[in-house]
């Protein structure tokens, strides 16, 4: 086949159309090279999912801490918390910490 015969085929005419070429270049540019490309959007959506899971985790931790803070408004609870968590003591008082060995003989 000669070039003229090949040029008259409908598929070749369609592919060599200037609008199709420009549209193809535009689509490739938008998908891979542009600042707002599909790949960038995919990475951003992964980041958003990660941040949302962290946000939910921290919300639950804040709720737990608020419960602890509310319970510490009672002076007896505050003293108990300080003694158990931070091993605080009153004057002339000794603290003994007993740890059990979990290894069986």
N, C-alpha and C. Protein backbone atom coordinates (compact mmCIF):
# COMPACT_ATOMS: atom_id res chain seq x y z
N UNK A 1 0.83 -1.18 0.00
CA UNK A 1 0.00 0.00 0.00
C UNK A 1 0.87 1.24 0.00
N UNK A 2 0.40 2.19 -0.69
CA UNK A 2 1.15 3.44 -0.73
C UNK A 2 0.64 4.37 0.37
N UNK A 3 1.34 5.44 0.55
CA UNK A 3 0.99 6.40 1.59
C UNK A 3 -0.38 7.03 1.31
N UNK A 4 -0.69 7.30 0.06
CA UNK A 4 -1.98 7.90 -0.29
C UNK A 4 -3.12 6.95 0.01
N UNK A 5 -2.92 5.66 -0.28
CA UNK A 5 -3.96 4.69 -0.01
C UNK A 5 -4.16 4.54 1.51
N UNK A 6 -3.08 4.55 2.24
CA UNK A 6 -3.15 4.43 3.69
C UNK A 6 -3.79 5.66 4.32
N UNK A 7 -3.55 6.80 3.73
CA UNK A 7 -4.08 8.05 4.26
C UNK A 7 -5.59 8.15 4.09
N UNK A 8 -6.15 7.43 3.15
CA UNK A 8 -7.58 7.49 2.89
C UNK A 8 -8.38 6.55 3.80
N UNK A 9 -7.75 5.75 4.62
CA UNK A 9 -8.46 4.86 5.54
C UNK A 9 -9.11 5.70 6.64
N UNK A 10 -10.30 5.33 7.10
CA UNK A 10 -11.01 6.16 8.10
C UNK A 10 -10.28 6.23 9.45
N UNK A 11 -9.70 5.15 9.87
CA UNK A 11 -9.00 5.16 11.15
C UNK A 11 -7.78 6.07 11.10
N UNK A 12 -7.03 6.01 10.05
CA UNK A 12 -5.86 6.86 9.89
C UNK A 12 -6.27 8.32 9.80
N UNK A 13 -7.37 8.57 9.12
CA UNK A 13 -7.87 9.95 9.04
C UNK A 13 -8.24 10.47 10.42
N UNK A 14 -8.87 9.61 11.19
CA UNK A 14 -9.28 10.01 12.54
C UNK A 14 -8.07 10.27 13.43
N UNK A 15 -7.09 9.41 13.39
CA UNK A 15 -5.91 9.53 14.25
C UNK A 15 -5.08 10.75 13.86
N UNK A 16 -5.00 11.04 12.60
CA UNK A 16 -4.18 12.17 12.16
C UNK A 16 -4.92 13.50 12.22
N UNK A 17 -6.16 13.49 12.64
CA UNK A 17 -6.91 14.72 12.79
C UNK A 17 -6.25 15.56 13.89
N UNK A 18 -6.08 16.84 13.65
CA UNK A 18 -5.37 17.72 14.57
C UNK A 18 -6.09 17.84 15.91
N UNK A 19 -7.42 17.79 15.90
CA UNK A 19 -8.18 17.89 17.14
C UNK A 19 -7.98 16.65 18.01
N UNK A 20 -7.93 15.50 17.40
CA UNK A 20 -7.71 14.26 18.14
C UNK A 20 -6.31 14.26 18.74
N UNK A 21 -5.34 14.72 18.00
CA UNK A 21 -3.97 14.78 18.50
C UNK A 21 -3.87 15.74 19.69
N UNK A 22 -4.46 16.90 19.54
CA UNK A 22 -4.42 17.89 20.62
C UNK A 22 -5.17 17.39 21.85
N UNK A 23 -6.32 16.77 21.65
CA UNK A 23 -7.09 16.23 22.76
C UNK A 23 -6.31 15.12 23.47
N UNK A 24 -5.65 14.27 22.73
CA UNK A 24 -4.85 13.20 23.33
C UNK A 24 -3.70 13.77 24.16
N UNK A 25 -3.03 14.74 23.62
CA UNK A 25 -1.93 15.38 24.36
C UNK A 25 -2.47 16.05 25.63
N UNK A 26 -3.61 16.71 25.52
CA UNK A 26 -4.22 17.35 26.68
C UNK A 26 -4.57 16.34 27.76
N UNK A 27 -5.17 15.24 27.38
CA UNK A 27 -5.56 14.21 28.36
C UNK A 27 -4.33 13.62 29.03
N UNK A 28 -3.31 13.31 28.27
CA UNK A 28 -2.09 12.77 28.85
C UNK A 28 -1.47 13.79 29.81
N UNK A 29 -1.45 15.03 29.41
CA UNK A 29 -0.89 16.08 30.27
C UNK A 29 -1.69 16.18 31.59
N UNK A 30 -3.00 16.17 31.49
CA UNK A 30 -3.84 16.33 32.68
C UNK A 30 -3.74 15.12 33.61
N UNK A 31 -3.57 13.93 33.07
CA UNK A 31 -3.50 12.74 33.90
C UNK A 31 -2.15 12.56 34.59
N UNK A 32 -1.07 12.97 33.95
CA UNK A 32 0.25 12.62 34.50
C UNK A 32 1.13 13.82 34.86
N UNK A 33 1.07 14.91 34.14
CA UNK A 33 2.05 15.97 34.31
C UNK A 33 1.53 17.22 35.01
N UNK A 34 0.25 17.41 35.04
CA UNK A 34 -0.30 18.63 35.60
C UNK A 34 -0.18 18.65 37.12
N UNK A 35 -0.24 19.83 37.68
CA UNK A 35 -0.16 19.99 39.13
C UNK A 35 -1.34 19.30 39.82
N UNK A 36 -2.48 19.26 39.20
CA UNK A 36 -3.68 18.63 39.75
C UNK A 36 -3.98 17.31 39.04
N UNK A 37 -2.97 16.52 38.82
CA UNK A 37 -3.14 15.28 38.06
C UNK A 37 -3.89 14.24 38.88
N UNK A 38 -4.27 13.19 38.22
CA UNK A 38 -4.99 12.10 38.86
C UNK A 38 -4.10 11.45 39.91
N UNK A 39 -2.83 11.31 39.64
CA UNK A 39 -1.92 10.72 40.61
C UNK A 39 -1.82 11.56 41.87
N UNK A 40 -1.79 12.87 41.71
CA UNK A 40 -1.74 13.77 42.85
C UNK A 40 -3.02 13.66 43.68
N UNK A 41 -4.16 13.59 43.00
CA UNK A 41 -5.42 13.44 43.71
C UNK A 41 -5.47 12.12 44.48
N UNK A 42 -4.93 11.08 43.91
CA UNK A 42 -4.90 9.78 44.59
C UNK A 42 -4.05 9.86 45.86
N UNK A 43 -2.90 10.49 45.76
CA UNK A 43 -2.04 10.65 46.94
C UNK A 43 -2.72 11.51 48.00
N UNK A 44 -3.39 12.56 47.58
CA UNK A 44 -4.09 13.41 48.54
C UNK A 44 -5.24 12.65 49.22
N UNK A 45 -5.94 11.82 48.47
CA UNK A 45 -7.05 11.08 49.08
C UNK A 45 -6.52 10.06 50.09
N UNK A 46 -5.36 9.46 49.81
CA UNK A 46 -4.75 8.56 50.79
C UNK A 46 -4.36 9.34 52.05
N UNK A 47 -3.81 10.51 51.88
CA UNK A 47 -3.42 11.35 53.01
C UNK A 47 -4.64 11.76 53.83
N UNK A 48 -5.74 12.08 53.15
CA UNK A 48 -6.97 12.47 53.85
C UNK A 48 -7.51 11.31 54.67
N UNK A 49 -7.50 10.11 54.11
CA UNK A 49 -7.96 8.93 54.86
C UNK A 49 -7.11 8.70 56.10
N UNK A 50 -5.80 8.83 55.94
CA UNK A 50 -4.89 8.65 57.07
C UNK A 50 -5.15 9.69 58.15
N UNK A 51 -5.32 10.94 57.75
CA UNK A 51 -5.58 12.00 58.71
C UNK A 51 -6.93 11.84 59.40
N UNK A 52 -7.92 11.34 58.68
CA UNK A 52 -9.23 11.10 59.30
C UNK A 52 -9.16 9.99 60.35
N UNK A 53 -8.39 8.95 60.08
CA UNK A 53 -8.24 7.89 61.09
C UNK A 53 -7.51 8.43 62.32
N UNK A 54 -6.49 9.26 62.10
CA UNK A 54 -5.79 9.87 63.23
C UNK A 54 -6.73 10.79 64.01
N UNK A 55 -7.56 11.52 63.30
CA UNK A 55 -8.51 12.43 63.94
C UNK A 55 -9.48 11.65 64.83
N UNK A 56 -9.99 10.53 64.32
CA UNK A 56 -10.91 9.71 65.11
C UNK A 56 -10.21 9.13 66.34
N UNK A 57 -8.97 8.71 66.17
CA UNK A 57 -8.21 8.18 67.29
C UNK A 57 -8.04 9.24 68.37
N UNK A 58 -7.65 10.44 67.98
CA UNK A 58 -7.43 11.50 68.95
C UNK A 58 -8.74 11.96 69.60
N UNK A 59 -9.84 11.89 68.87
CA UNK A 59 -11.13 12.23 69.47
C UNK A 59 -11.48 11.25 70.58
N UNK A 60 -11.24 9.97 70.36
CA UNK A 60 -11.52 8.99 71.41
C UNK A 60 -10.58 9.18 72.60
N UNK A 61 -9.33 9.51 72.32
CA UNK A 61 -8.38 9.76 73.42
C UNK A 61 -8.80 11.00 74.22
N UNK A 62 -9.27 12.02 73.55
CA UNK A 62 -9.73 13.24 74.24
C UNK A 62 -10.94 12.91 75.12
N UNK A 63 -11.85 12.08 74.60
CA UNK A 63 -13.02 11.70 75.39
C UNK A 63 -12.60 10.93 76.65
N UNK A 64 -11.62 10.02 76.50
CA UNK A 64 -11.12 9.29 77.67
C UNK A 64 -10.49 10.25 78.68
N UNK A 65 -9.69 11.18 78.20
CA UNK A 65 -9.02 12.12 79.10
C UNK A 65 -10.03 13.04 79.79
N UNK A 66 -11.09 13.42 79.09
CA UNK A 66 -12.12 14.26 79.72
C UNK A 66 -12.81 13.51 80.85
N UNK A 67 -13.04 12.21 80.65
CA UNK A 67 -13.64 11.41 81.72
C UNK A 67 -12.72 11.37 82.93
N UNK A 68 -11.43 11.20 82.69
CA UNK A 68 -10.46 11.16 83.79
C UNK A 68 -10.43 12.50 84.50
N UNK A 69 -10.42 13.58 83.75
CA UNK A 69 -10.39 14.92 84.35
C UNK A 69 -11.64 15.17 85.17
N UNK A 70 -12.80 14.74 84.67
CA UNK A 70 -14.04 14.91 85.43
C UNK A 70 -14.01 14.11 86.72
N UNK A 71 -13.44 12.91 86.66
CA UNK A 71 -13.37 12.10 87.88
C UNK A 71 -12.37 12.68 88.88
N UNK A 72 -11.38 13.43 88.40
CA UNK A 72 -10.37 13.99 89.30
C UNK A 72 -10.84 15.26 90.01
N UNK A 73 -12.02 15.71 89.73
CA UNK A 73 -12.54 16.88 90.44
C UNK A 73 -12.87 16.52 91.89
N UNK A 74 -13.09 15.26 92.14
CA UNK A 74 -13.30 14.78 93.50
C UNK A 74 -11.93 14.66 94.17
N UNK A 75 -11.71 15.28 95.35
CA UNK A 75 -10.38 15.24 95.98
C UNK A 75 -9.90 13.83 96.32
N UNK A 76 -10.82 12.94 96.69
CA UNK A 76 -10.42 11.57 97.01
C UNK A 76 -9.91 10.85 95.75
N UNK A 77 -10.59 11.07 94.65
CA UNK A 77 -10.17 10.46 93.38
C UNK A 77 -8.83 11.03 92.93
N UNK A 78 -8.62 12.32 93.16
CA UNK A 78 -7.37 12.97 92.78
C UNK A 78 -6.21 12.38 93.56
N UNK A 79 -6.42 12.18 94.87
CA UNK A 79 -5.37 11.59 95.71
C UNK A 79 -5.08 10.16 95.27
N UNK A 80 -6.12 9.40 94.99
CA UNK A 80 -5.94 8.01 94.55
C UNK A 80 -5.18 7.96 93.22
N UNK A 81 -5.54 8.84 92.30
CA UNK A 81 -4.86 8.88 91.00
C UNK A 81 -3.39 9.24 91.17
N UNK A 82 -3.10 10.23 92.00
CA UNK A 82 -1.71 10.65 92.21
C UNK A 82 -0.90 9.54 92.86
N UNK A 83 -1.49 8.82 93.78
CA UNK A 83 -0.77 7.74 94.45
C UNK A 83 -0.52 6.57 93.51
N UNK A 84 -1.51 6.22 92.70
CA UNK A 84 -1.37 5.04 91.83
C UNK A 84 -0.52 5.31 90.60
N UNK A 85 -0.71 6.45 89.99
CA UNK A 85 -0.01 6.72 88.73
C UNK A 85 1.39 7.27 88.94
N UNK A 86 1.53 8.19 89.87
CA UNK A 86 2.80 8.90 90.02
C UNK A 86 3.53 8.56 91.32
N UNK A 87 3.02 7.57 92.05
CA UNK A 87 3.64 7.09 93.28
C UNK A 87 3.91 8.23 94.26
N UNK A 88 3.00 9.16 94.36
CA UNK A 88 3.14 10.26 95.32
C UNK A 88 2.75 9.75 96.71
N UNK A 89 3.25 10.42 97.72
CA UNK A 89 3.00 9.96 99.08
C UNK A 89 2.88 11.16 100.01
N UNK A 90 2.34 10.88 101.16
CA UNK A 90 2.27 11.90 102.20
C UNK A 90 3.58 11.89 102.96
N UNK A 91 3.80 12.90 103.77
CA UNK A 91 5.02 12.94 104.57
C UNK A 91 5.01 11.78 105.56
N UNK A 92 6.20 11.28 105.87
CA UNK A 92 6.38 10.16 106.82
C UNK A 92 5.64 8.91 106.36
N UNK A 93 5.61 8.68 105.08
CA UNK A 93 4.92 7.53 104.53
C UNK A 93 5.87 6.84 103.56
N UNK A 94 5.91 5.52 103.58
CA UNK A 94 6.75 4.76 102.66
C UNK A 94 5.87 4.06 101.64
N UNK A 95 6.40 3.94 100.43
CA UNK A 95 5.67 3.26 99.36
C UNK A 95 6.45 2.01 98.98
N UNK A 96 5.74 0.91 98.91
CA UNK A 96 6.33 -0.34 98.46
C UNK A 96 5.61 -0.78 97.20
N UNK A 97 6.39 -1.03 96.16
CA UNK A 97 5.82 -1.48 94.89
C UNK A 97 6.12 -2.95 94.75
N UNK A 98 5.07 -3.72 94.62
CA UNK A 98 5.21 -5.18 94.51
C UNK A 98 4.95 -5.56 93.07
N UNK A 99 5.92 -6.21 92.46
CA UNK A 99 5.75 -6.72 91.11
C UNK A 99 5.81 -8.24 91.15
N UNK A 100 4.91 -8.85 90.43
CA UNK A 100 4.86 -10.30 90.40
C UNK A 100 5.59 -10.80 89.18
N UNK A 101 6.32 -11.88 89.36
CA UNK A 101 7.03 -12.49 88.25
C UNK A 101 6.06 -13.39 87.50
N UNK A 102 5.95 -13.21 86.22
CA UNK A 102 4.98 -13.97 85.44
C UNK A 102 5.54 -15.29 84.93
N UNK A 103 6.82 -15.56 85.18
CA UNK A 103 7.44 -16.81 84.72
C UNK A 103 7.15 -17.91 85.73
N UNK A 104 6.62 -19.03 85.22
CA UNK A 104 6.29 -20.16 86.09
C UNK A 104 7.48 -21.12 86.12
N UNK A 105 7.73 -21.68 87.29
CA UNK A 105 8.85 -22.64 87.42
C UNK A 105 8.40 -24.03 87.08
